[in-house]
N, C-alpha and C. Protein backbone atom coordinates (compact mmCIF):
# COMPACT_ATOMS: atom_id res chain seq x y z
N MET A 1 0.69 -1.34 0.06
CA MET A 1 0.04 0.27 -0.35
C MET A 1 1.15 1.44 0.07
N GLU A 2 1.86 1.15 0.71
CA GLU A 2 2.81 2.69 1.07
C GLU A 2 3.44 2.83 -0.26
N LYS A 3 3.63 1.80 -1.09
CA LYS A 3 4.38 1.75 -2.80
C LYS A 3 3.42 2.74 -3.24
N LEU A 4 2.23 1.91 -3.72
CA LEU A 4 1.24 2.71 -4.11
C LEU A 4 0.83 4.24 -3.83
N LYS A 5 0.80 4.25 -2.96
CA LYS A 5 0.37 5.84 -2.20
C LYS A 5 2.00 6.93 -2.45
N SER A 6 2.71 5.95 -2.35
CA SER A 6 4.11 6.97 -2.97
C SER A 6 4.18 7.39 -4.14
N SER A 7 3.41 6.17 -5.11
CA SER A 7 3.48 6.58 -6.72
C SER A 7 2.08 8.29 -6.69
N HIS A 8 1.31 7.74 -5.63
CA HIS A 8 0.15 8.73 -6.16
C HIS A 8 0.62 10.07 -5.78
N SER A 9 1.54 10.02 -4.66
CA SER A 9 2.17 11.37 -4.04
C SER A 9 2.97 12.19 -5.07
N LYS A 10 3.84 11.10 -6.04
CA LYS A 10 4.91 11.85 -7.02
C LYS A 10 3.87 12.24 -8.04
N THR A 11 2.71 11.30 -8.75
CA THR A 11 1.84 11.99 -9.36
C THR A 11 1.24 13.38 -9.44
N LEU A 12 0.74 13.18 -8.15
CA LEU A 12 0.49 14.77 -7.79
C LEU A 12 1.52 15.73 -8.14
N MET A 13 2.63 15.47 -7.56
CA MET A 13 3.25 16.72 -7.86
C MET A 13 3.73 16.93 -8.97
N ILE A 14 3.97 15.85 -9.80
CA ILE A 14 4.18 15.75 -11.63
C ILE A 14 3.03 16.84 -12.00
N ALA A 15 1.51 16.38 -11.64
CA ALA A 15 0.60 17.22 -12.35
C ALA A 15 0.48 18.53 -11.85
N ILE A 16 0.72 18.82 -10.38
CA ILE A 16 0.92 20.21 -10.14
C ILE A 16 2.17 21.28 -11.04
N ILE A 17 3.26 20.53 -11.07
CA ILE A 17 4.62 20.95 -11.73
C ILE A 17 4.10 21.50 -12.92
N LEU A 18 3.68 20.52 -13.86
CA LEU A 18 3.04 20.44 -15.25
C LEU A 18 2.38 21.57 -15.52
N SER A 19 1.12 21.75 -14.25
CA SER A 19 0.02 22.72 -14.86
C SER A 19 0.42 24.37 -14.13
N VAL A 20 1.58 24.57 -13.35
CA VAL A 20 2.16 25.53 -12.95
C VAL A 20 2.96 25.72 -14.17
N GLY A 21 3.61 25.05 -14.49
CA GLY A 21 4.85 24.70 -15.70
C GLY A 21 4.11 25.67 -17.24
N PHE A 22 2.84 25.45 -17.33
CA PHE A 22 1.83 25.51 -18.17
C PHE A 22 1.46 27.31 -18.03
N VAL A 23 1.07 27.92 -16.85
CA VAL A 23 0.79 29.05 -16.80
C VAL A 23 2.32 30.08 -16.79
N GLY A 24 3.35 29.50 -16.12
CA GLY A 24 4.79 30.19 -16.07
C GLY A 24 5.00 30.13 -17.48
N GLY A 25 4.89 29.15 -18.32
CA GLY A 25 5.10 29.22 -19.65
C GLY A 25 4.82 30.16 -20.35
N VAL A 26 3.36 30.20 -20.14
CA VAL A 26 2.82 31.53 -20.90
C VAL A 26 3.17 33.16 -20.75
N LEU A 27 3.26 33.18 -19.46
CA LEU A 27 4.13 34.30 -19.06
C LEU A 27 5.43 34.78 -19.30
N ALA A 28 6.32 33.37 -19.45
CA ALA A 28 7.74 33.68 -19.80
C ALA A 28 7.85 33.98 -21.19
N ILE A 29 6.78 33.48 -22.09
CA ILE A 29 6.31 34.06 -23.86
C ILE A 29 6.49 35.02 -24.01
N ILE A 30 5.34 35.75 -23.01
CA ILE A 30 4.85 37.20 -23.00
C ILE A 30 5.75 37.83 -23.08
N PHE A 31 6.99 37.70 -21.73
CA PHE A 31 8.05 38.65 -21.05
C PHE A 31 9.20 38.53 -22.47
N GLY A 32 9.36 37.27 -22.35
CA GLY A 32 10.54 36.54 -23.35
C GLY A 32 10.34 37.24 -24.88
N ALA A 33 9.14 37.62 -25.38
CA ALA A 33 8.82 38.07 -26.52
C ALA A 33 8.83 39.73 -26.26
N THR A 34 8.30 40.14 -25.68
CA THR A 34 8.27 41.65 -25.52
C THR A 34 9.36 42.32 -25.11
N LYS A 35 10.29 41.45 -24.21
CA LYS A 35 11.79 42.46 -23.73
C LYS A 35 12.88 41.46 -24.39
N GLY A 36 12.62 40.63 -25.71
CA GLY A 36 13.49 40.61 -26.21
C GLY A 36 14.34 39.32 -25.64
N ILE A 37 14.17 38.95 -24.67
CA ILE A 37 14.85 37.94 -24.05
C ILE A 37 14.70 36.14 -25.17
N THR A 38 15.76 36.05 -25.54
CA THR A 38 15.39 34.64 -26.24
C THR A 38 15.35 33.77 -25.35
N PHE A 39 16.34 33.45 -24.51
CA PHE A 39 16.65 32.28 -23.45
C PHE A 39 15.20 32.10 -22.95
N LEU A 40 14.70 33.09 -22.17
CA LEU A 40 13.49 33.27 -21.49
C LEU A 40 11.86 33.03 -22.52
N LEU A 41 12.03 33.18 -23.92
CA LEU A 41 11.49 32.59 -24.69
C LEU A 41 11.46 31.39 -25.01
N VAL A 42 12.19 30.68 -25.29
CA VAL A 42 12.68 29.44 -25.31
C VAL A 42 12.10 28.70 -24.11
N ILE A 43 11.98 29.08 -22.59
CA ILE A 43 12.07 28.41 -21.80
C ILE A 43 10.35 28.42 -21.85
N GLY A 44 9.89 29.42 -21.97
CA GLY A 44 8.32 29.74 -22.10
C GLY A 44 7.99 28.53 -22.62
N ILE A 45 8.23 28.62 -24.09
CA ILE A 45 7.57 27.77 -25.12
C ILE A 45 7.92 26.63 -24.43
N ILE A 46 8.79 25.62 -23.99
CA ILE A 46 8.97 24.36 -23.60
C ILE A 46 8.20 24.06 -22.56
N ALA A 47 7.87 25.08 -21.35
CA ALA A 47 7.07 24.83 -19.97
C ALA A 47 5.40 24.83 -20.62
N THR A 48 5.57 25.57 -21.62
CA THR A 48 4.06 25.74 -22.16
C THR A 48 3.64 24.65 -22.80
N VAL A 49 4.25 24.18 -23.57
CA VAL A 49 4.20 22.78 -24.41
C VAL A 49 3.86 21.66 -23.72
N LEU A 50 5.12 21.46 -22.73
CA LEU A 50 5.00 20.60 -21.38
C LEU A 50 3.92 20.50 -20.96
N GLY A 51 3.53 21.64 -20.14
CA GLY A 51 2.11 21.92 -19.50
C GLY A 51 0.91 21.41 -20.24
N PHE A 52 0.75 21.96 -21.48
CA PHE A 52 -0.15 21.81 -22.01
C PHE A 52 -0.54 20.35 -22.47
N TYR A 53 0.38 19.60 -22.86
CA TYR A 53 0.10 18.04 -23.33
C TYR A 53 0.39 17.40 -22.14
N GLY A 54 1.42 17.57 -21.54
CA GLY A 54 1.42 16.87 -20.27
C GLY A 54 0.35 16.68 -18.89
N SER A 55 0.16 17.96 -18.22
CA SER A 55 -0.45 17.78 -17.31
C SER A 55 -2.12 17.20 -17.28
N PRO A 56 -2.66 17.06 -18.54
CA PRO A 56 -4.10 16.40 -18.49
C PRO A 56 -3.21 14.82 -18.35
N PHE A 57 -2.82 14.42 -19.10
CA PHE A 57 -2.31 13.20 -18.69
C PHE A 57 -1.76 12.51 -17.40
N ALA A 58 -0.90 13.74 -16.38
CA ALA A 58 -0.77 13.32 -15.10
C ALA A 58 -2.06 13.48 -14.28
N TRP A 59 -2.95 14.82 -14.38
CA TRP A 59 -4.02 14.37 -13.71
C TRP A 59 -5.18 13.22 -13.67
N VAL A 60 -5.38 12.72 -15.13
CA VAL A 60 -6.04 11.83 -14.99
C VAL A 60 -5.59 10.41 -14.46
N LYS A 61 -4.11 10.32 -14.31
CA LYS A 61 -3.50 9.22 -13.91
C LYS A 61 -3.14 9.27 -12.33
N TYR A 62 -3.45 10.38 -12.06
CA TYR A 62 -3.77 11.03 -10.43
C TYR A 62 -5.12 10.36 -10.41
N GLY A 63 -5.77 10.60 -10.73
CA GLY A 63 -7.34 10.65 -11.03
C GLY A 63 -7.41 8.73 -10.44
N GLU A 64 -7.05 8.38 -11.51
CA GLU A 64 -6.85 6.77 -11.72
C GLU A 64 -6.21 5.74 -10.46
N GLN A 65 -5.47 6.34 -9.75
CA GLN A 65 -4.90 6.21 -9.06
C GLN A 65 -5.50 5.84 -7.72
N PHE A 66 -6.46 6.83 -7.81
CA PHE A 66 -7.95 6.63 -6.25
C PHE A 66 -8.37 5.51 -6.43
N SER A 67 -8.98 4.81 -7.73
CA SER A 67 -9.56 3.50 -7.83
C SER A 67 -8.63 2.30 -7.45
N TYR A 68 -7.23 2.58 -7.49
CA TYR A 68 -6.19 1.71 -7.25
C TYR A 68 -6.19 1.45 -5.74
N ILE A 69 -6.19 2.74 -5.12
CA ILE A 69 -6.08 2.77 -3.87
C ILE A 69 -7.20 1.76 -2.97
N SER A 70 -8.54 2.46 -3.40
CA SER A 70 -9.69 2.03 -2.77
C SER A 70 -9.56 0.37 -3.03
N VAL A 71 -9.53 -0.09 -3.89
CA VAL A 71 -9.78 -1.59 -4.59
C VAL A 71 -8.47 -2.47 -3.61
N LEU A 72 -7.12 -1.68 -3.34
CA LEU A 72 -6.41 -2.31 -2.33
C LEU A 72 -6.77 -2.35 -1.03
N ASP A 73 -7.28 -1.16 -0.82
CA ASP A 73 -7.79 -1.20 0.44
C ASP A 73 -8.75 -1.82 0.89
N CYS A 74 -9.57 -2.46 0.13
CA CYS A 74 -10.73 -3.25 0.14
C CYS A 74 -10.10 -4.85 0.06
N ILE A 75 -8.80 -5.08 -0.17
CA ILE A 75 -8.17 -6.55 -0.22
C ILE A 75 -7.74 -6.36 0.98
N LEU A 76 -6.83 -5.80 1.33
CA LEU A 76 -5.44 -5.69 2.35
C LEU A 76 -6.33 -5.35 3.84
N THR A 77 -7.54 -4.17 3.96
CA THR A 77 -7.89 -3.62 5.18
C THR A 77 -9.41 -4.47 5.31
N ASP A 78 -10.44 -4.36 4.50
CA ASP A 78 -11.39 -5.15 4.60
C ASP A 78 -11.35 -6.67 4.57
N ASN A 79 -10.65 -7.03 3.97
CA ASN A 79 -10.29 -8.53 3.64
C ASN A 79 -11.47 -9.20 2.52
N LEU A 80 -11.79 -8.30 1.90
CA LEU A 80 -12.48 -8.70 0.27
C LEU A 80 -11.74 -9.38 -0.38
N LEU A 81 -11.91 -10.69 -0.75
CA LEU A 81 -11.03 -11.41 -1.33
C LEU A 81 -12.22 -12.00 -3.25
N GLU A 82 -13.27 -11.71 -3.23
CA GLU A 82 -13.98 -11.76 -4.48
C GLU A 82 -14.47 -10.21 -5.07
N ILE A 83 -14.06 -10.88 -6.04
CA ILE A 83 -14.19 -9.64 -6.99
C ILE A 83 -15.18 -9.10 -7.27
N ASP A 84 -16.10 -9.92 -7.05
CA ASP A 84 -18.27 -9.09 -6.84
C ASP A 84 -17.99 -8.25 -5.40
N SER A 85 -17.57 -8.97 -4.73
CA SER A 85 -17.95 -8.19 -3.28
C SER A 85 -16.77 -6.55 -3.31
N ILE A 86 -16.12 -6.82 -3.98
CA ILE A 86 -15.37 -5.88 -4.22
C ILE A 86 -15.95 -4.14 -5.17
N ALA A 87 -16.73 -5.06 -5.88
CA ALA A 87 -17.19 -4.22 -6.92
C ALA A 87 -18.43 -3.71 -6.43
N THR A 88 -18.92 -4.26 -5.57
CA THR A 88 -20.59 -4.21 -5.11
C THR A 88 -19.69 -3.01 -4.02
N SER A 89 -18.61 -3.33 -3.01
CA SER A 89 -18.72 -2.12 -2.23
C SER A 89 -18.01 -1.17 -2.73
N LEU A 90 -17.42 -1.13 -3.98
CA LEU A 90 -16.80 0.21 -4.19
C LEU A 90 -18.18 1.02 -5.28
N GLY A 91 -18.85 -0.05 -5.79
CA GLY A 91 -19.78 0.56 -7.00
C GLY A 91 -19.51 0.77 -8.22
N LYS A 92 -18.89 -0.12 -8.49
CA LYS A 92 -18.10 -0.37 -9.91
C LYS A 92 -18.13 -2.25 -10.65
N MET A 93 -18.23 -1.98 -11.59
CA MET A 93 -18.48 -3.10 -12.37
C MET A 93 -17.61 -4.46 -12.27
N PRO A 94 -17.88 -5.52 -11.70
CA PRO A 94 -16.83 -6.60 -11.94
C PRO A 94 -15.51 -6.48 -12.83
N GLN A 95 -16.02 -6.31 -14.12
CA GLN A 95 -14.26 -6.29 -15.08
C GLN A 95 -13.67 -5.18 -14.78
N GLU A 96 -14.11 -4.16 -14.25
CA GLU A 96 -13.39 -2.71 -13.78
C GLU A 96 -12.53 -3.06 -12.66
N VAL A 97 -13.02 -4.07 -11.55
CA VAL A 97 -12.18 -4.09 -10.52
C VAL A 97 -11.51 -5.37 -11.00
N LEU A 98 -11.44 -6.13 -11.54
CA LEU A 98 -10.52 -7.47 -12.00
C LEU A 98 -9.63 -7.19 -12.90
N GLY A 99 -10.25 -5.64 -13.77
CA GLY A 99 -8.90 -5.02 -14.37
C GLY A 99 -7.53 -4.64 -13.46
N ILE A 100 -8.42 -3.65 -12.48
CA ILE A 100 -7.62 -2.95 -11.55
C ILE A 100 -7.08 -3.85 -10.54
N VAL A 101 -7.48 -5.14 -10.35
CA VAL A 101 -6.45 -5.90 -9.51
C VAL A 101 -5.47 -6.60 -9.87
N ASN A 102 -5.95 -6.92 -11.37
CA ASN A 102 -4.65 -7.50 -12.43
C ASN A 102 -3.40 -6.62 -12.23
N TYR A 103 -3.84 -5.29 -12.60
CA TYR A 103 -2.74 -4.02 -12.69
C TYR A 103 -2.18 -4.25 -11.70
N LEU A 104 -2.90 -4.12 -10.15
CA LEU A 104 -2.00 -4.39 -9.04
C LEU A 104 -0.87 -5.41 -8.57
N ILE A 105 -1.22 -6.45 -9.40
CA ILE A 105 -0.72 -7.49 -9.07
C ILE A 105 0.64 -7.47 -10.07
N THR A 106 0.32 -7.13 -11.30
CA THR A 106 1.64 -6.96 -12.57
C THR A 106 2.48 -6.25 -11.94
N LYS A 107 1.95 -4.88 -11.39
CA LYS A 107 2.64 -3.85 -10.84
C LYS A 107 3.53 -3.93 -9.56
N ARG A 108 3.08 -5.04 -8.87
CA ARG A 108 3.52 -5.38 -7.48
C ARG A 108 3.04 -4.77 -6.42
N TYR A 109 2.33 -4.52 -6.44
CA TYR A 109 1.30 -3.40 -5.35
C TYR A 109 0.66 -4.36 -4.55
N LEU A 110 0.40 -5.37 -5.40
CA LEU A 110 -0.61 -6.35 -4.44
C LEU A 110 0.43 -7.44 -4.70
N LYS A 111 0.99 -8.06 -3.34
CA LYS A 111 2.11 -8.92 -3.50
C LYS A 111 1.18 -10.31 -2.77
N GLY A 112 1.67 -11.53 -3.47
CA GLY A 112 1.28 -12.99 -2.62
C GLY A 112 0.01 -13.13 -3.08
N TYR A 113 -0.61 -12.98 -4.19
CA TYR A 113 -1.90 -12.88 -4.25
C TYR A 113 -2.39 -13.39 -6.29
N TYR A 114 -2.98 -14.21 -6.48
CA TYR A 114 -3.58 -13.96 -7.82
C TYR A 114 -5.08 -14.24 -7.98
N VAL A 115 -5.56 -14.22 -9.19
CA VAL A 115 -7.29 -14.32 -9.35
C VAL A 115 -7.21 -15.77 -9.89
N GLU A 116 -8.56 -16.51 -9.06
CA GLU A 116 -8.98 -17.74 -10.18
C GLU A 116 -10.15 -17.71 -9.61
N ASN A 117 -10.92 -17.76 -10.89
CA ASN A 117 -12.28 -17.51 -10.94
C ASN A 117 -13.36 -16.99 -9.84
N GLY A 118 -12.63 -15.54 -10.08
CA GLY A 118 -13.30 -14.48 -9.59
C GLY A 118 -13.31 -14.00 -8.24
N LYS A 119 -11.96 -15.16 -7.58
CA LYS A 119 -11.69 -14.62 -6.25
C LYS A 119 -10.09 -14.47 -6.36
N LEU A 120 -9.46 -13.48 -4.86
CA LEU A 120 -8.37 -14.09 -5.00
C LEU A 120 -7.97 -14.61 -4.03
N LYS A 121 -6.77 -15.46 -4.66
CA LYS A 121 -6.38 -16.59 -3.83
C LYS A 121 -5.01 -16.26 -3.21
N ILE A 122 -4.54 -16.37 -2.00
CA ILE A 122 -2.96 -16.48 -1.43
C ILE A 122 -2.18 -17.36 -2.04
N ILE A 123 -1.38 -16.89 -2.63
CA ILE A 123 -0.24 -17.95 -2.93
C ILE A 123 0.65 -18.57 -1.70
N GLU A 124 0.65 -19.90 -2.01
CA GLU A 124 0.79 -20.64 -0.84
C GLU A 124 2.54 -20.79 -0.79
N SER A 125 3.16 -20.99 -1.74
CA SER A 125 4.56 -20.63 -1.71
C SER A 125 5.47 -19.56 -1.03
N GLU A 126 4.51 -18.30 -1.19
CA GLU A 126 4.93 -17.05 -0.48
C GLU A 126 4.81 -17.01 0.96
N VAL A 127 3.96 -17.83 1.52
CA VAL A 127 3.29 -17.90 2.96
C VAL A 127 4.12 -18.93 3.50
N GLU A 128 4.76 -20.19 3.24
CA GLU A 128 5.53 -20.83 3.64
C GLU A 128 6.57 -21.00 3.29
N ASP A 129 7.19 -19.59 2.62
CA ASP A 129 8.73 -19.27 2.44
C ASP A 129 8.84 -17.90 3.63
N VAL A 130 8.20 -18.15 4.62
CA VAL A 130 8.67 -16.58 5.24
C VAL A 130 9.98 -17.09 6.31
N VAL A 131 10.48 -16.26 6.19
CA VAL A 131 12.29 -16.18 7.11
C VAL A 131 11.91 -15.66 8.08
N THR A 132 12.03 -16.25 9.24
CA THR A 132 12.00 -15.17 10.50
C THR A 132 13.75 -15.76 10.71
N THR A 133 14.11 -14.72 11.92
CA THR A 133 15.49 -14.91 12.36
C THR A 133 15.49 -14.97 13.55
N HIS A 134 16.32 -16.19 14.12
CA HIS A 134 16.22 -16.74 15.64
C HIS A 134 18.00 -16.19 16.09
N LYS A 135 17.93 -16.65 17.38
CA LYS A 135 19.39 -16.72 17.87
C LYS A 135 19.27 -18.56 18.59
N CYS A 136 20.40 -18.82 18.32
CA CYS A 136 20.80 -19.98 18.73
C CYS A 136 20.78 -20.12 20.24
N PRO A 137 20.25 -21.08 20.88
CA PRO A 137 20.12 -20.72 22.23
C PRO A 137 21.82 -21.00 22.97
N ASN A 138 22.17 -22.04 22.06
CA ASN A 138 23.39 -22.72 22.37
C ASN A 138 24.74 -21.74 22.23
N CYS A 139 24.88 -21.16 20.86
CA CYS A 139 26.06 -20.78 21.08
C CYS A 139 25.89 -19.13 20.19
N GLY A 140 24.55 -18.66 20.22
CA GLY A 140 24.36 -17.70 19.97
C GLY A 140 24.08 -17.04 18.46
N ALA A 141 24.54 -18.09 17.70
CA ALA A 141 24.84 -17.76 16.43
C ALA A 141 23.14 -17.32 15.76
N THR A 142 23.26 -16.65 14.67
CA THR A 142 21.80 -15.89 13.85
C THR A 142 21.83 -17.05 13.14
N ILE A 143 20.11 -17.49 12.74
CA ILE A 143 19.92 -18.82 12.05
C ILE A 143 18.57 -17.99 11.48
N ASP A 144 18.79 -18.25 10.03
CA ASP A 144 17.50 -17.86 9.44
C ASP A 144 16.57 -19.30 9.09
N VAL A 145 15.26 -19.42 9.62
CA VAL A 145 14.55 -20.21 9.53
C VAL A 145 12.93 -20.33 8.87
N THR A 146 13.07 -21.25 7.70
CA THR A 146 11.53 -20.95 7.32
C THR A 146 10.50 -22.12 7.62
N LYS A 147 11.06 -23.20 8.46
CA LYS A 147 10.21 -24.00 8.80
C LYS A 147 9.95 -24.35 10.13
N ASP A 148 9.37 -24.91 11.04
CA ASP A 148 8.98 -24.94 12.43
C ASP A 148 10.22 -25.40 13.28
N VAL A 149 11.06 -26.30 12.50
CA VAL A 149 12.08 -26.78 12.92
C VAL A 149 13.35 -26.75 12.44
N ALA A 150 14.26 -26.27 12.98
CA ALA A 150 15.69 -26.10 12.25
C ALA A 150 16.82 -26.61 12.90
N VAL A 151 18.00 -26.23 12.37
CA VAL A 151 18.97 -27.10 13.05
C VAL A 151 20.47 -25.83 12.79
N CYS A 152 21.06 -25.55 13.99
CA CYS A 152 22.00 -24.57 14.04
C CYS A 152 23.10 -25.11 13.17
N GLU A 153 23.56 -24.40 12.11
CA GLU A 153 24.53 -25.19 11.11
C GLU A 153 26.39 -24.90 11.71
N TYR A 154 26.29 -24.27 13.09
CA TYR A 154 27.55 -24.24 13.78
C TYR A 154 27.53 -25.15 14.77
N CYS A 155 26.50 -25.03 15.38
CA CYS A 155 26.68 -26.18 16.63
C CYS A 155 25.98 -27.23 16.72
N GLY A 156 25.05 -27.35 15.62
CA GLY A 156 24.45 -28.63 15.81
C GLY A 156 22.99 -28.62 16.24
N VAL A 157 22.74 -27.56 17.27
CA VAL A 157 21.65 -27.45 18.14
C VAL A 157 20.28 -27.61 17.30
N LYS A 158 19.21 -28.24 17.76
CA LYS A 158 17.64 -28.56 16.94
C LYS A 158 16.86 -27.58 17.82
N LEU A 159 16.51 -26.46 16.77
CA LEU A 159 15.47 -25.60 17.41
C LEU A 159 14.38 -25.81 16.98
N LYS A 160 13.35 -25.99 17.98
CA LYS A 160 12.07 -26.49 17.88
C LYS A 160 11.07 -25.25 17.82
N LEU A 161 10.40 -24.53 16.85
CA LEU A 161 9.62 -23.08 16.80
C LEU A 161 8.14 -23.51 16.34
N GLY A 162 7.41 -23.32 17.48
CA GLY A 162 6.31 -23.26 17.65
C GLY A 162 5.30 -22.16 16.59
N LYS A 163 4.12 -22.39 16.57
CA LYS A 163 3.25 -20.62 15.65
C LYS A 163 3.42 -19.64 16.64
N LYS A 164 3.80 -19.70 18.01
CA LYS A 164 3.60 -18.71 18.89
C LYS A 164 4.88 -18.00 18.61
N ASN A 165 5.94 -18.36 18.28
CA ASN A 165 7.31 -18.02 18.28
C ASN A 165 7.29 -16.76 16.57
N LYS A 166 6.85 -17.50 15.54
CA LYS A 166 6.47 -16.80 14.44
C LYS A 166 6.20 -15.54 14.35
C-alpha cells in the first residue's frame, strides 16, 4: 500500500508542476517576446508545451490511482477477496475491478495473491517461505528459519519453533 501511495504522491507533484509550468510558460513567452530575451522565450515555449500536453495525462493518472487505492484498501484492510464483493462495495463493474486487481498484481502493488474464478487466492509458496531470524540458544549464532524445526549450522542444536514464536 505504501508503494502505491508513494506513486500517488509523485503523480500529484508532477501534475502540479506541469500545470504551474503551463501558466508560467505563457508568462515567460509574453515577457521573453516583449523584452527580447530569447532564452526566456525558449524556456516559456518548452514549459507551455509540456504543461499543455503533459498536465492532462498526469491529472488523469492521479485520478485513476484513487481507484487503485480503494481496491487495494478493500483487499488488504476489509479482507474482501471476491471480485464481485469488491465491485459491490465500491460501486464498480466486476470487469473494471478485475482489471484493477490484475494491474495491482502486475505492478507488484499487491503481492502474494493471484486471481482464480473471480476470487483472490493467496500464493501458498509465499506464505510457506517466510523467513524468520532467531538466535541459537547454545552458541548465539543467527539462524534464518523457514520451517518449524531448524538446526544450527554452527553447533548442531535443533530448534523447535511453534506458531507462537513466528
